[in-house]
Amino acid sequence: MARLTFYGNVQMVRDFCPFCHEWALVRDGERLCCGRRMDGLPTRIHRMSSPWHGRKLPPKEDRERILDAQDGRCFYCMRRFGMRVYRGGRTTTLKTVWDHQIPWIYSQNNDADNFVAACQVCNGIKRDFCFNGPDEARVYIANKWNTKGYSEIPPVIRLPNGVEISMNDTREMNDFDRTVEEIAERMEG
């Protein structure tokens, strides 16, 4: 019955004490009301009070530091910001958005170490999900990129000789072992 409770941004464990018949804070596994040990781990999250501030961006110097540390790439998909991706015949340019690694809805934590630079696609896929670490988030997001049909390959490729290859018209484009030149030669011949 123990809960992880938030007082603003401060996390504390509370548990209902069956001996004292009241809710008690827990420190180092012991209830502060009577000193008896708590059984198990917290199973619920409860917000007792909200922090005084709302959702906000990290300061500019922290944003620059984070972008530099990530080499101008999305934290989740590792694609460069400004790169074009394609989905359903539409082109999207990846832009920088600031993502709370632990979602704001749960932590209400605006500390710079809770922020990463993400592209708008990854941020939209991640939403308010919590993950056990960055690798788990990256695997989940990569799978969603594929199932949603995002690609780094444009829907139509124009070769220097003027031949156009459409992703929608050729099955060969899914076979990445072949080169674009081989496909163009077969289409001309």
Protein backbone atom coordinates (compact mmCIF):
# COMPACT_ATOMS: atom_id res chain seq x y z
CA MET A 1 0.00 0.00 0.00
CA ALA A 2 3.08 2.20 0.05
CA ARG A 3 3.09 5.21 -2.28
CA LEU A 4 5.73 7.34 -3.84
CA THR A 5 4.46 10.81 -3.03
CA PHE A 6 5.47 14.17 -4.44
CA TYR A 7 5.55 17.34 -2.38
CA GLY A 8 6.30 19.80 -5.18
CA ASN A 9 9.33 18.18 -6.81
CA VAL A 10 10.42 16.36 -3.65
CA GLN A 11 9.81 12.62 -3.73
CA MET A 12 9.05 10.78 -0.51
CA VAL A 13 7.67 7.36 0.34
CA ARG A 14 4.52 7.17 2.46
CA ASP A 15 2.87 4.07 3.84
CA PHE A 16 -0.24 3.42 5.88
CA CYS A 17 0.80 2.08 9.28
CA PRO A 18 -1.58 -0.62 10.53
CA PHE A 19 -0.27 -0.15 14.10
CA CYS A 20 -0.69 3.65 14.32
CA HIS A 21 -3.68 3.74 11.94
CA GLU A 22 -2.31 6.70 9.97
CA TRP A 23 -0.20 7.54 6.95
CA ALA A 24 3.48 7.85 7.79
CA LEU A 25 6.56 8.98 5.90
CA VAL A 26 9.17 6.28 5.35
CA ARG A 27 12.94 6.73 5.63
CA ASP A 28 15.42 3.90 5.01
CA GLY A 29 12.54 1.41 4.97
CA GLU A 30 11.16 2.43 8.39
CA ARG A 31 7.92 4.26 9.12
CA LEU A 32 8.64 7.51 10.96
CA CYS A 33 5.53 7.17 13.14
CA CYS A 34 6.61 4.10 15.11
CA GLY A 35 9.87 2.90 13.57
CA ARG A 36 8.40 -0.34 12.22
CA ARG A 37 9.67 -1.63 8.87
CA MET A 38 7.64 -1.11 5.71
CA ASP A 39 6.83 -4.18 3.62
CA GLY A 40 7.61 -4.08 -0.11
CA LEU A 41 8.12 -1.17 -2.46
CA PRO A 42 5.78 1.69 -3.36
CA THR A 43 3.15 0.56 -5.86
CA ARG A 44 1.44 3.89 -6.57
CA ILE A 45 2.34 7.50 -7.25
CA HIS A 46 0.49 10.29 -5.48
CA ARG A 47 0.99 14.05 -5.76
CA MET A 48 0.41 15.80 -2.45
CA SER A 49 1.17 19.30 -3.77
CA SER A 50 2.28 20.84 -7.04
CA PRO A 51 5.50 22.77 -7.50
CA TRP A 52 5.15 26.53 -7.68
CA HIS A 53 6.32 26.81 -11.28
CA GLY A 54 4.94 25.46 -14.53
CA ARG A 55 6.53 23.58 -17.39
CA LYS A 56 9.45 25.52 -18.87
CA LEU A 57 12.50 25.14 -21.07
CA PRO A 58 15.99 24.76 -19.66
CA PRO A 59 18.07 27.97 -19.67
CA LYS A 60 19.79 28.87 -22.96
CA GLU A 61 23.28 27.90 -21.76
CA ASP A 62 21.97 24.46 -20.71
CA ARG A 63 20.22 24.01 -24.07
CA GLU A 64 23.47 24.84 -25.88
CA ARG A 65 25.41 22.43 -23.64
CA ILE A 66 22.88 19.63 -24.24
CA LEU A 67 22.87 20.18 -28.02
CA ASP A 68 26.67 20.19 -28.06
CA ALA A 69 26.85 16.99 -25.97
CA GLN A 70 24.39 15.31 -28.36
CA ASP A 71 26.36 16.55 -31.40
CA GLY A 72 23.28 18.28 -32.86
CA ARG A 73 21.38 14.98 -33.01
CA CYS A 74 18.12 13.70 -31.59
CA PHE A 75 18.72 11.90 -28.29
CA TYR A 76 16.44 9.02 -29.32
CA CYS A 77 16.88 8.36 -33.08
CA MET A 78 20.37 9.93 -33.42
CA ARG A 79 19.34 11.74 -36.63
CA ARG A 80 20.73 15.23 -37.19
CA PHE A 81 18.40 18.17 -36.67
CA GLY A 82 17.56 19.74 -40.02
CA MET A 83 17.57 16.36 -41.77
CA ARG A 84 14.61 15.48 -43.99
CA VAL A 85 12.55 12.36 -43.43
CA TYR A 86 9.60 11.07 -45.42
CA ARG A 87 6.24 9.53 -44.60
CA GLY A 88 3.29 8.96 -46.87
CA GLY A 89 4.65 11.16 -49.63
CA ARG A 90 5.27 14.06 -47.25
CA THR A 91 8.60 15.59 -46.29
CA THR A 92 9.35 16.55 -42.70
CA THR A 93 12.41 18.48 -41.55
CA LEU A 94 13.54 17.35 -38.10
CA LYS A 95 13.40 20.21 -35.61
CA THR A 96 14.71 20.47 -32.07
CA VAL A 97 12.18 20.12 -29.28
CA TRP A 98 12.99 19.81 -25.59
CA ASP A 99 11.83 16.58 -23.99
CA HIS A 100 11.58 15.76 -20.30
CA GLN A 101 13.21 12.31 -19.97
CA ILE A 102 10.97 11.66 -16.98
CA PRO A 103 7.71 13.12 -18.27
CA TRP A 104 6.54 16.39 -16.76
CA ILE A 105 3.15 14.89 -15.91
CA TYR A 106 4.85 12.52 -13.43
CA SER A 107 7.81 14.45 -12.08
CA GLN A 108 7.10 18.14 -12.81
CA ASN A 109 10.88 18.41 -12.91
CA ASN A 110 12.33 21.24 -14.99
CA ASP A 111 15.94 20.61 -13.94
CA ALA A 112 18.37 20.73 -16.86
CA ASP A 113 19.48 17.13 -16.25
CA ASN A 114 15.91 15.96 -16.98
CA PHE A 115 15.97 17.49 -20.49
CA VAL A 116 17.22 16.08 -23.79
CA ALA A 117 17.07 17.50 -27.29
CA ALA A 118 14.71 15.36 -29.36
CA CYS A 119 13.22 15.66 -32.83
CA GLN A 120 9.49 16.35 -33.04
CA VAL A 121 8.84 12.84 -34.40
CA CYS A 122 10.53 11.04 -31.48
CA ASN A 123 9.02 13.43 -28.94
CA GLY A 124 5.55 12.73 -30.35
CA ILE A 125 6.14 8.97 -30.25
CA LYS A 126 7.55 9.00 -26.70
CA ARG A 127 4.76 11.22 -25.37
CA ASP A 128 4.39 10.70 -21.62
CA PHE A 129 5.74 7.14 -21.50
CA CYS A 130 8.30 6.19 -18.86
CA PHE A 131 11.16 3.85 -19.75
CA ASN A 132 13.76 2.00 -17.70
CA GLY A 133 16.50 3.88 -19.49
CA PRO A 134 17.52 5.56 -22.73
CA ASP A 135 18.17 2.27 -24.55
CA GLU A 136 14.66 0.98 -23.87
CA ALA A 137 13.20 4.29 -25.10
CA ARG A 138 15.35 4.18 -28.26
CA VAL A 139 14.26 0.63 -29.14
CA TYR A 140 10.59 1.49 -28.61
CA ILE A 141 10.85 4.67 -30.68
CA ALA A 142 12.81 2.97 -33.50
CA ASN A 143 10.09 0.32 -33.80
CA LYS A 144 7.40 3.02 -33.91
CA TRP A 145 9.34 4.95 -36.60
CA ASN A 146 9.18 1.82 -38.77
CA THR A 147 5.54 0.95 -38.10
CA LYS A 148 4.46 4.55 -38.76
CA GLY A 149 6.26 4.44 -42.11
CA TYR A 150 8.98 7.06 -41.61
CA SER A 151 11.97 6.74 -43.92
CA GLU A 152 15.18 8.58 -44.73
CA ILE A 153 14.74 7.59 -48.38
CA PRO A 154 12.65 10.06 -50.43
CA PRO A 155 9.48 8.70 -52.07
CA VAL A 156 10.83 9.64 -55.52
CA ILE A 157 14.50 9.46 -56.44
CA ARG A 158 15.68 11.35 -59.54
CA LEU A 159 18.79 9.90 -61.10
CA PRO A 160 21.28 12.07 -63.02
CA ASN A 161 20.02 10.64 -66.34
CA GLY A 162 16.48 11.89 -65.58
CA VAL A 163 14.98 8.51 -64.60
CA GLU A 164 12.64 8.73 -61.62
CA ILE A 165 12.21 5.82 -59.24
CA SER A 166 9.13 5.90 -57.03
CA MET A 167 9.14 4.12 -53.68
CA ASN A 168 5.45 3.41 -54.23
CA ASP A 169 5.93 1.84 -57.66
CA THR A 170 8.88 -0.47 -57.11
CA ARG A 171 9.32 -3.34 -54.73
CA GLU A 172 13.05 -3.31 -55.39
CA MET A 173 13.56 -0.20 -53.25
CA ASN A 174 12.90 -2.32 -50.17
CA ASP A 175 15.87 -4.50 -51.11
CA PHE A 176 18.73 -2.40 -49.81
CA ASP A 177 21.32 -4.88 -51.12
CA ARG A 178 20.81 -3.51 -54.64
CA THR A 179 22.17 -0.14 -55.63
CA VAL A 180 20.11 2.63 -57.22
CA GLU A 181 22.20 2.29 -60.40
CA GLU A 182 21.30 -1.40 -60.80
CA ILE A 183 17.60 -0.61 -60.49
CA ALA A 184 17.88 2.25 -63.02
CA GLU A 185 19.66 0.01 -65.54
CA ARG A 186 16.94 -2.62 -65.29
CA MET A 187 14.21 -0.01 -65.72
CA GLU A 188 15.88 1.38 -68.86
CA GLY A 189 16.58 -2.06 -70.35
